[in-house]
Amino acid sequence: MKKIFSLFYANLFLTNRLFAGFAVCVILFLLKFFFNWMGIIPDLVFWTLVILIAADLILLYGNNKGVFARRHAPERMSNGDDNELGIFIENFYPFPIQAGIIDEIPFQFQKRDVWFKTSLPSRRQKLLNYILRPTKRGEYEFGDIRVFVRSPLALISRRFNFKQAQVLPVYPSFLQMRRYELMAISNRLNEIGVKKIRRLGHNLEFEQVKNYVAGDDYRTINWKATARHGNFMVNSYTDEKSQHVYCVIDKSRAMQMPFEGLSLLDYAINASLVLTNVALLKEDKAGLITIAEKTGSVVAADKKAVQLNRIMEVLYREKTRYLETNMEALYTTVRGIIKQRSLVIFFTNYESFSSLHRQLPFLKRIARFHLLLVVFFENTELTALSEEPARDVEEVYIKTIAEKFANDKKLVVKELKRHGIQSILSTPQNLTINTINRYLEIKAKQKI
């Protein structure tokens, strides 16, 4: 009995309307001292309020299963993207209700205002949707759902608690990957910035001999087949397949810098996942290497159906390290794992020209055996500082330093080019687009 009473008391909440009613009663009783003609009016108002409270209690507590609530969530969430979740609520009361809903979302979001207000007619149900944008990979723990219900009288509120604890993993941006895949299937990649690359000459991989149609290059006419069939026949070529594409991700302290909530490492991981998917769609073999002070994960290049999931599982667990990149270990791993000429895309970051010089000898060695593409980040905050007008001596100094670091990034690009190494200097938000464009360009020019 004591437990039942404690549960009843713990889930009972008084509303502002009830306090307003008590305030009116107090005022009426005070006025009665000065105006005798009020008689029993304050008493009538008070007891009417007490009866209404009792009626409200009976309405709300007369049904033990007055409402039902459940969270609608995906099996996993996509890092850096807007993920849609929902709360399903159903009203079993024989009257309409006003409901306030609290969903105990993971602490990583640091939100204290996830409160939904809704009205629901009798025997009806509703789905309330909301958006969460995680900025770190890992496991996110959701708590219970708490529903505060009011009857049409709205003098008290009853709380219902629904055990909905669950853990959702946050993976690299698979939503972004699917978006690019759908755009590629529907031939609309140009809408999101992927350029059409003009091909130089013919691709090297022969596909088939087919009938000539208007618009085919007359230089591809197969004269022997034409003589046999009596109609013009042309050779058809396709993209070279089964070329090796490796994404090498630097996870040292240089990749810890944040941008719009995500670290540079997460931007590199998201871009690598999308690029891997594009490479597999092109029937190339995709692989992965991560590096910090020592070699991390290694996934050998392959084009099997499970390769994308295998790489995604590896990327899900990667975390930033806080030491310098061991380029000697990277060179040893590349020479030991990659046995044929491949496209090696190295995601890293250089904040100064001197940081490149420490790595340049090893980059030159890798570039001897493979086509090396170095991808690093433009510091947009420094760029914005260098473009702002200076109003005093201190701002002149700050602007000069910002311009110096921004210029260092451009010098890095020139230095890499001088040694025959391709590079991409990109803002974090454009990293995926720029990397895909360069990959398609390299494929079209048959550089691998």
Protein backbone atom coordinates (compact mmCIF):
# COMPACT_ATOMS: atom_id res chain seq x y z
CA MET A 1 0.00 0.00 0.00
CA LYS A 2 2.83 2.35 0.87
CA LYS A 3 4.52 1.59 -2.46
CA ILE A 4 1.31 2.30 -4.39
CA PHE A 5 0.87 5.61 -2.58
CA SER A 6 4.49 6.60 -3.26
CA LEU A 7 4.07 5.84 -6.97
CA PHE A 8 0.85 7.83 -7.03
CA TYR A 9 2.51 10.78 -5.31
CA ALA A 10 5.66 10.63 -7.46
CA ASN A 11 3.68 10.80 -10.72
CA LEU A 12 1.26 13.54 -9.65
CA PHE A 13 2.03 17.10 -10.73
CA LEU A 14 0.09 20.29 -10.09
CA THR A 15 -0.58 22.67 -12.98
CA ASN A 16 -0.60 26.45 -13.23
CA ARG A 17 -4.39 26.38 -13.63
CA LEU A 18 -4.73 24.75 -10.19
CA PHE A 19 -2.47 27.36 -8.57
CA ALA A 20 -4.50 30.08 -10.27
CA GLY A 21 -7.68 28.55 -8.80
CA PHE A 22 -6.17 28.51 -5.30
CA ALA A 23 -5.03 32.11 -5.77
CA VAL A 24 -8.61 33.13 -6.63
CA CYS A 25 -9.88 31.35 -3.49
CA VAL A 26 -7.33 33.14 -1.29
CA ILE A 27 -8.27 36.52 -2.77
CA LEU A 28 -12.00 35.82 -2.23
CA PHE A 29 -11.44 34.82 1.41
CA LEU A 30 -9.41 38.01 1.99
CA LEU A 31 -12.13 40.16 0.44
CA LYS A 32 -14.72 38.47 2.66
CA PHE A 33 -13.14 40.21 5.69
CA PHE A 34 -13.93 43.60 4.16
CA PHE A 35 -17.19 42.88 2.36
CA ASN A 36 -19.76 40.98 4.39
CA TRP A 37 -22.14 40.77 1.45
CA MET A 38 -19.88 38.11 -0.17
CA GLY A 39 -21.28 35.57 2.33
CA ILE A 40 -20.59 31.99 1.28
CA ILE A 41 -19.27 32.78 -2.22
CA PRO A 42 -15.61 32.05 -1.29
CA ASP A 43 -16.64 28.74 0.32
CA LEU A 44 -18.63 27.75 -2.77
CA VAL A 45 -15.69 28.55 -5.04
CA PHE A 46 -13.26 26.64 -2.82
CA TRP A 47 -15.39 23.49 -2.57
CA THR A 48 -16.14 23.64 -6.28
CA LEU A 49 -12.39 23.65 -6.90
CA VAL A 50 -11.93 20.68 -4.52
CA ILE A 51 -14.66 18.72 -6.38
CA LEU A 52 -13.05 19.52 -9.72
CA ILE A 53 -9.67 18.28 -8.41
CA ALA A 54 -11.27 15.04 -7.27
CA ALA A 55 -12.96 14.66 -10.64
CA ASP A 56 -9.65 15.29 -12.41
CA LEU A 57 -7.96 12.63 -10.25
CA ILE A 58 -10.68 10.13 -11.11
CA LEU A 59 -10.40 10.94 -14.83
CA LEU A 60 -6.62 10.54 -14.95
CA TYR A 61 -6.13 7.68 -12.48
CA GLY A 62 -9.28 5.73 -13.35
CA ASN A 63 -7.41 4.07 -16.24
CA ASN A 64 -4.04 2.45 -15.49
CA LYS A 65 -3.17 2.29 -19.20
CA GLY A 66 -4.30 5.73 -20.25
CA VAL A 67 -1.58 6.31 -22.84
CA PHE A 68 1.17 4.40 -24.60
CA ALA A 69 4.42 5.80 -26.00
CA ARG A 70 7.28 4.25 -27.94
CA ARG A 71 10.42 5.64 -29.60
CA HIS A 72 10.88 5.11 -33.33
CA ALA A 73 14.63 5.09 -34.05
CA PRO A 74 16.83 3.68 -36.82
CA GLU A 75 19.20 0.78 -36.14
CA ARG A 76 22.12 3.18 -36.37
CA MET A 77 22.70 6.89 -36.85
CA SER A 78 24.83 8.70 -39.41
CA ASN A 79 27.61 10.94 -38.13
CA GLY A 80 27.39 14.60 -39.12
CA ASP A 81 23.94 14.19 -40.71
CA ASP A 82 20.38 14.99 -39.64
CA ASN A 83 18.90 11.74 -38.36
CA GLU A 84 15.13 11.53 -38.00
CA LEU A 85 13.65 9.90 -34.91
CA GLY A 86 10.05 9.78 -33.75
CA ILE A 87 7.85 9.22 -30.72
CA PHE A 88 4.66 7.24 -31.22
CA ILE A 89 1.90 8.08 -28.71
CA GLU A 90 -1.60 6.59 -28.39
CA ASN A 91 -4.50 7.82 -26.22
CA PHE A 92 -6.66 5.14 -24.54
CA TYR A 93 -8.68 7.59 -22.45
CA PRO A 94 -12.38 8.16 -23.35
CA PHE A 95 -11.67 11.91 -23.57
CA PRO A 96 -9.16 14.15 -25.41
CA ILE A 97 -5.89 14.86 -23.62
CA GLN A 98 -3.08 17.38 -23.62
CA ALA A 99 0.32 15.66 -23.46
CA GLY A 100 3.84 16.86 -22.76
CA ILE A 101 6.57 14.38 -23.75
CA ILE A 102 10.18 14.18 -22.64
CA ASP A 103 12.56 11.89 -24.51
CA GLU A 104 15.77 11.23 -22.57
CA ILE A 105 18.28 11.63 -25.40
CA PRO A 106 22.02 10.85 -24.99
CA PHE A 107 24.16 13.28 -23.00
CA GLN A 108 26.45 13.82 -26.01
CA PHE A 109 23.88 16.17 -27.57
CA GLN A 110 23.81 18.41 -24.47
CA LYS A 111 20.15 19.27 -25.02
CA ARG A 112 17.78 20.00 -22.17
CA ASP A 113 14.80 21.21 -24.20
CA VAL A 114 13.58 18.03 -25.90
CA TRP A 115 9.97 18.67 -24.86
CA PHE A 116 7.02 17.99 -27.16
CA LYS A 117 3.53 19.34 -26.57
CA THR A 118 0.60 17.80 -28.39
CA SER A 119 -3.14 17.24 -28.12
CA LEU A 120 -4.71 13.88 -28.88
CA PRO A 121 -8.41 12.98 -29.29
CA SER A 122 -9.81 9.87 -27.62
CA ARG A 123 -8.66 6.52 -29.05
CA ARG A 124 -6.30 8.23 -31.49
CA GLN A 125 -2.57 7.93 -32.12
CA LYS A 126 0.14 10.24 -33.41
CA LEU A 127 3.79 10.15 -34.46
CA LEU A 128 5.97 13.10 -33.45
CA ASN A 129 9.21 13.42 -35.44
CA TYR A 130 12.39 15.23 -34.43
CA ILE A 131 15.96 15.55 -35.68
CA LEU A 132 19.28 14.72 -34.00
CA ARG A 133 22.72 15.49 -35.50
CA PRO A 134 25.54 13.53 -33.84
CA THR A 135 29.07 14.85 -34.26
CA LYS A 136 31.05 11.92 -32.86
CA ARG A 137 31.15 8.27 -33.72
CA GLY A 138 30.44 5.71 -31.01
CA GLU A 139 27.56 4.42 -28.90
CA TYR A 140 24.75 6.76 -27.85
CA GLU A 141 22.56 5.69 -24.94
CA PHE A 142 18.90 6.75 -24.91
CA GLY A 143 16.84 6.71 -21.71
CA ASP A 144 13.13 6.46 -20.94
CA ILE A 145 10.17 8.34 -22.39
CA ARG A 146 8.08 10.33 -19.92
CA VAL A 147 4.60 11.50 -20.83
CA PHE A 148 2.73 14.12 -18.77
CA VAL A 149 -1.02 13.88 -19.40
CA ARG A 150 -3.75 16.42 -18.65
CA SER A 151 -7.50 15.98 -18.90
CA PRO A 152 -9.79 18.72 -20.28
CA LEU A 153 -9.96 20.11 -16.70
CA ALA A 154 -6.13 20.51 -16.69
CA LEU A 155 -5.89 21.00 -12.91
CA ILE A 156 -3.39 18.20 -12.36
CA SER A 157 -0.99 16.24 -14.57
CA ARG A 158 -0.21 12.54 -14.43
CA ARG A 159 3.16 11.23 -15.50
CA PHE A 160 3.55 7.94 -17.38
CA ASN A 161 7.04 6.38 -17.58
CA PHE A 162 7.93 4.07 -20.45
CA LYS A 163 11.11 2.02 -20.31
CA GLN A 164 12.71 2.72 -23.67
CA ALA A 165 16.42 2.50 -22.86
CA GLN A 166 18.44 1.61 -25.94
CA VAL A 167 21.93 2.09 -27.34
CA LEU A 168 22.33 3.30 -30.93
CA PRO A 169 25.70 3.19 -32.70
CA VAL A 170 26.74 6.27 -34.70
CA TYR A 171 28.55 5.22 -37.87
CA PRO A 172 30.44 7.30 -40.44
CA SER A 173 28.12 9.22 -42.74
CA PHE A 174 26.30 6.43 -44.58
CA LEU A 175 23.43 8.83 -45.37
CA GLN A 176 25.84 10.98 -47.37
CA MET A 177 27.15 7.84 -49.07
CA ARG A 178 23.62 6.77 -50.09
CA ARG A 179 22.82 10.26 -51.34
CA TYR A 180 25.82 10.20 -53.70
CA GLU A 181 24.94 6.67 -54.78
CA LEU A 182 21.35 7.64 -55.64
CA MET A 183 22.55 10.71 -57.53
CA ALA A 184 24.97 8.55 -59.52
CA ILE A 185 22.25 6.03 -60.40
CA SER A 186 19.88 8.79 -61.55
CA ASN A 187 22.66 10.63 -63.45
CA ARG A 188 22.32 13.79 -61.34
CA LEU A 189 25.74 14.02 -59.73
CA ASN A 190 26.27 17.46 -61.24
CA GLU A 191 23.53 18.79 -58.91
CA ILE A 192 25.79 18.22 -55.91
CA GLY A 193 28.99 19.48 -57.51
CA VAL A 194 30.47 16.42 -59.21
CA LYS A 195 31.89 17.57 -62.54
CA LYS A 196 31.64 15.84 -65.88
CA ILE A 197 35.18 14.90 -66.89
CA ARG A 198 36.16 14.99 -70.57
CA ARG A 199 37.97 11.83 -71.53
CA LEU A 200 41.27 11.99 -73.35
CA GLY A 201 41.40 9.34 -76.06
CA HIS A 202 39.93 5.87 -75.57
CA ASN A 203 39.79 3.86 -72.43
CA LEU A 204 42.12 0.91 -72.57
CA GLU A 205 39.71 -1.87 -71.59
CA PHE A 206 37.82 -3.42 -74.53
CA GLU A 207 34.18 -4.29 -73.82
CA GLN A 208 32.43 -5.50 -77.00
CA VAL A 209 31.84 -5.08 -80.76
CA LYS A 210 28.46 -3.48 -81.50
CA ASN A 211 26.51 -1.99 -84.39
CA TYR A 212 27.40 1.53 -85.40
CA VAL A 213 24.87 4.20 -84.40
CA ALA A 214 24.87 7.91 -85.21
CA GLY A 215 27.29 9.70 -82.93
CA ASP A 216 29.80 6.85 -82.48
CA ASP A 217 33.42 7.77 -83.12
CA TYR A 218 34.28 6.61 -86.65
CA ARG A 219 37.83 5.90 -85.45
CA THR A 220 36.49 2.94 -83.47
CA ILE A 221 35.12 1.16 -86.55
CA ASN A 222 36.16 -2.49 -86.61
CA TRP A 223 36.74 -3.09 -90.34
CA LYS A 224 37.10 -6.86 -90.08
CA ALA A 225 33.77 -7.21 -88.25
CA THR A 226 32.21 -4.75 -90.73
CA ALA A 227 33.35 -6.90 -93.65
CA ARG A 228 31.88 -10.04 -92.06
CA HIS A 229 28.47 -8.56 -91.17
CA GLY A 230 27.98 -6.16 -94.05
CA ASN A 231 27.10 -3.36 -91.58
CA PHE A 232 29.33 -0.88 -89.81
CA MET A 233 30.57 -2.36 -86.50
CA VAL A 234 32.48 -0.44 -83.84
CA ASN A 235 34.60 -1.40 -80.87
CA SER A 236 33.14 -0.40 -77.49
CA TYR A 237 35.43 0.45 -74.59
CA THR A 238 34.72 0.81 -70.91
CA ASP A 239 36.45 2.15 -67.83
CA GLU A 240 39.36 0.08 -66.69
CA LYS A 241 38.23 -2.10 -63.81
CA SER A 242 39.81 -3.71 -60.78
CA GLN A 243 42.26 -0.85 -60.25
CA HIS A 244 43.36 -0.50 -56.63
CA VAL A 245 42.26 2.57 -54.69
CA TYR A 246 43.51 2.98 -51.11
CA CYS A 247 42.33 5.62 -48.65
CA VAL A 248 45.06 6.35 -46.10
CA ILE A 249 43.73 8.28 -43.10
CA ASP A 250 46.01 10.17 -40.75
CA LYS A 251 44.54 9.98 -37.25
CA SER A 252 47.30 11.86 -35.43
CA ARG A 253 46.76 15.07 -33.41
CA ALA A 254 46.82 17.17 -36.60
CA MET A 255 43.35 15.75 -37.38
CA GLN A 256 41.79 16.65 -34.04
CA MET A 257 40.91 20.23 -35.03
CA PRO A 258 37.10 20.78 -34.98
CA PHE A 259 34.97 22.37 -37.70
CA GLU A 260 31.19 22.80 -37.28
CA GLY A 261 31.14 20.19 -34.53
CA LEU A 262 33.03 17.48 -36.43
CA SER A 263 36.77 16.86 -36.19
CA LEU A 264 38.90 16.81 -39.34
CA LEU A 265 39.29 13.07 -38.80
CA ASP A 266 35.52 12.62 -39.07
CA TYR A 267 35.43 14.65 -42.29
CA ALA A 268 38.20 12.45 -43.69
CA ILE A 269 36.37 9.29 -42.60
CA ASN A 270 33.09 10.41 -44.18
CA ALA A 271 34.84 11.33 -47.44
CA SER A 272 36.70 7.99 -47.45
CA LEU A 273 33.47 6.04 -47.04
CA VAL A 274 31.78 7.87 -49.94
CA LEU A 275 34.88 7.50 -52.13
CA THR A 276 35.07 3.79 -51.33
CA ASN A 277 31.47 3.35 -52.42
CA VAL A 278 32.09 5.27 -55.67
CA ALA A 279 35.20 3.18 -56.39
CA LEU A 280 33.27 -0.05 -55.84
CA LEU A 281 30.49 1.19 -58.14
CA LYS A 282 33.21 1.79 -60.76
CA GLU A 283 34.24 -1.86 -60.16
CA ASP A 284 37.60 -0.85 -58.71
CA LYS A 285 39.11 -2.51 -55.66
CA ALA A 286 38.96 -0.31 -52.55
CA GLY A 287 41.16 -0.59 -49.49
CA LEU A 288 41.93 1.30 -46.28
CA ILE A 289 44.94 2.10 -44.10
CA THR A 290 44.94 4.22 -40.92
CA ILE A 291 48.11 5.65 -39.41
CA ALA A 292 49.23 7.62 -36.36
CA GLU A 293 52.36 7.01 -34.28
CA LYS A 294 52.00 3.42 -35.48
CA THR A 295 50.06 1.60 -38.17
CA GLY A 296 46.40 1.23 -37.27
CA SER A 297 43.83 -0.73 -39.26
CA VAL A 298 44.58 -2.25 -42.66
CA VAL A 299 41.89 -3.50 -45.05
CA ALA A 300 43.33 -5.01 -48.22
CA ALA A 301 41.80 -3.78 -51.48
CA ASP A 302 38.90 -5.85 -52.75
CA LYS A 303 35.63 -5.37 -54.64
CA LYS A 304 33.48 -8.02 -52.98
CA ALA A 305 29.98 -7.08 -51.85
CA VAL A 306 31.02 -7.16 -48.18
CA GLN A 307 33.98 -4.80 -48.65
CA LEU A 308 32.00 -1.62 -47.97
CA ASN A 309 30.58 -2.97 -44.70
CA ARG A 310 34.01 -4.20 -43.69
CA ILE A 311 35.52 -0.73 -44.21
CA MET A 312 32.59 0.94 -42.45
CA GLU A 313 33.05 -1.25 -39.37
CA VAL A 314 36.75 -0.34 -39.25
CA LEU A 315 36.07 3.39 -39.64
CA TYR A 316 33.40 3.26 -36.92
CA ARG A 317 36.02 2.35 -34.32
CA GLU A 318 38.81 4.74 -35.34
CA LYS A 319 39.75 7.48 -32.87
CA THR A 320 42.19 10.38 -32.93
CA ARG A 321 45.63 9.75 -31.46
CA TYR A 322 47.66 12.55 -29.88
CA LEU A 323 51.14 11.90 -31.26
CA GLU A 324 52.88 12.69 -34.55
CA THR A 325 52.36 10.60 -37.67
CA ASN A 326 54.98 7.89 -38.13
CA MET A 327 55.65 8.24 -41.86
CA GLU A 328 58.27 5.49 -41.82
CA ALA A 329 55.62 3.05 -40.56
CA LEU A 330 53.25 4.26 -43.27
CA TYR A 331 55.84 3.76 -46.01
CA THR A 332 56.65 0.25 -44.72
CA THR A 333 52.94 -0.65 -44.62
CA VAL A 334 52.28 0.67 -48.12
CA ARG A 335 55.25 -1.22 -49.58
CA GLY A 336 54.30 -4.40 -47.72
CA ILE A 337 50.54 -4.40 -48.40
CA ILE A 338 50.11 -2.77 -51.83
CA LYS A 339 51.82 -5.00 -54.38
CA GLN A 340 50.78 -3.24 -57.61
CA ARG A 341 50.58 0.35 -58.76
CA SER A 342 47.55 1.93 -57.05
CA LEU A 343 45.89 5.23 -56.33
CA VAL A 344 46.83 6.15 -52.73
CA ILE A 345 44.75 8.99 -51.29
CA PHE A 346 46.37 10.32 -48.12
CA PHE A 347 44.01 12.34 -45.88
CA THR A 348 46.06 14.52 -43.53
CA ASN A 349 46.53 18.14 -42.45
CA TYR A 350 49.44 20.58 -42.66
CA GLU A 351 49.28 23.76 -40.62
CA SER A 352 52.75 24.94 -41.62
CA PHE A 353 55.26 24.50 -44.40
CA SER A 354 57.75 22.88 -42.02
CA SER A 355 55.30 20.11 -41.12
CA LEU A 356 55.29 19.06 -44.80
CA HIS A 357 59.09 18.93 -44.95
CA ARG A 358 59.19 16.35 -42.14
CA GLN A 359 56.99 14.04 -44.21
CA LEU A 360 58.14 14.89 -47.73
CA PRO A 361 60.95 12.27 -48.04
CA PHE A 362 58.50 9.45 -47.33
CA LEU A 363 55.82 10.92 -49.59
CA LYS A 364 58.34 11.03 -52.45
CA ARG A 365 59.22 7.37 -51.88
CA ILE A 366 55.55 6.32 -51.96
CA ALA A 367 55.02 8.40 -55.12
CA ARG A 368 57.73 6.40 -56.91
CA PHE A 369 55.63 3.24 -56.82
CA HIS A 370 52.05 4.56 -56.68
CA LEU A 371 49.95 7.50 -57.79
CA LEU A 372 49.85 9.55 -54.58
CA LEU A 373 47.14 12.12 -53.90
CA VAL A 374 47.57 14.17 -50.71
CA VAL A 375 44.35 15.68 -49.36
CA PHE A 376 44.57 18.32 -46.64
CA PHE A 377 42.38 21.03 -45.19
CA GLU A 378 42.05 24.75 -45.66
CA ASN A 379 41.68 26.63 -42.37
CA THR A 380 38.54 28.64 -43.09
CA GLU A 381 38.82 30.65 -39.87
CA LEU A 382 42.29 31.90 -40.82
CA THR A 383 41.05 32.70 -44.33
CA ALA A 384 38.19 34.75 -42.88
CA LEU A 385 40.60 36.58 -40.55
CA SER A 386 42.98 37.42 -43.39
CA GLU A 387 40.11 38.92 -45.43
CA GLU A 388 38.80 41.19 -42.67
CA PRO A 389 39.97 44.84 -42.64
CA ALA A 390 42.36 45.78 -39.80
CA ARG A 391 41.35 48.70 -37.57
CA ASP A 392 44.28 48.89 -35.14
CA VAL A 393 47.83 47.65 -34.65
CA GLU A 394 46.75 44.44 -32.89
CA GLU A 395 44.39 43.49 -35.73
CA VAL A 396 47.15 44.25 -38.27
CA TYR A 397 49.37 41.76 -36.41
CA ILE A 398 46.61 39.12 -36.27
CA LYS A 399 45.79 39.58 -39.95
CA THR A 400 49.49 39.28 -40.92
CA ILE A 401 49.87 36.00 -39.00
CA ALA A 402 46.64 34.64 -40.53
CA GLU A 403 47.84 35.52 -44.03
CA LYS A 404 51.19 33.87 -43.31
CA PHE A 405 49.55 30.55 -42.31
CA ALA A 406 47.08 30.73 -45.22
CA ASN A 407 49.99 31.31 -47.60
CA ASP A 408 51.83 28.31 -46.11
CA LYS A 409 48.96 26.09 -47.26
CA LYS A 410 49.40 27.33 -50.83
CA LEU A 411 53.15 26.76 -50.62
CA VAL A 412 52.48 23.16 -49.57
CA VAL A 413 50.45 22.62 -52.75
CA LYS A 414 53.27 24.09 -54.90
CA GLU A 415 55.94 22.06 -53.14
CA LEU A 416 54.04 18.80 -53.63
CA LYS A 417 53.47 19.63 -57.30
CA ARG A 418 57.19 20.37 -57.73
CA HIS A 419 57.91 16.79 -56.64
CA GLY A 420 55.23 15.29 -58.91
CA ILE A 421 52.72 14.64 -56.12
CA GLN A 422 49.09 15.58 -56.69
CA SER A 423 47.23 17.37 -53.91
CA ILE A 424 43.84 18.77 -52.90
CA LEU A 425 43.52 21.78 -50.60
CA SER A 426 39.87 21.77 -49.55
CA THR A 427 37.52 23.25 -47.01
CA PRO A 428 36.07 20.54 -44.73
CA GLN A 429 32.52 20.89 -46.07
CA ASN A 430 33.68 20.45 -49.70
CA LEU A 431 36.10 17.62 -49.01
CA THR A 432 33.90 14.79 -50.34
CA ILE A 433 32.98 16.58 -53.57
CA ASN A 434 36.57 17.63 -54.32
CA THR A 435 37.94 14.14 -53.64
CA ILE A 436 35.37 12.41 -55.87
CA ASN A 437 36.00 14.91 -58.67
CA ARG A 438 39.73 14.25 -58.55
CA TYR A 439 39.23 10.47 -58.48
CA LEU A 440 36.97 10.62 -61.55
CA GLU A 441 39.46 12.90 -63.28
CA ILE A 442 42.30 10.47 -62.62
CA LYS A 443 40.16 7.59 -63.94
CA ALA A 444 39.25 9.53 -67.08
CA LYS A 445 42.88 10.44 -67.80
CA GLN A 446 44.02 6.84 -67.19
CA LYS A 447 46.76 7.85 -64.77
CA ILE A 448 46.59 4.81 -62.51
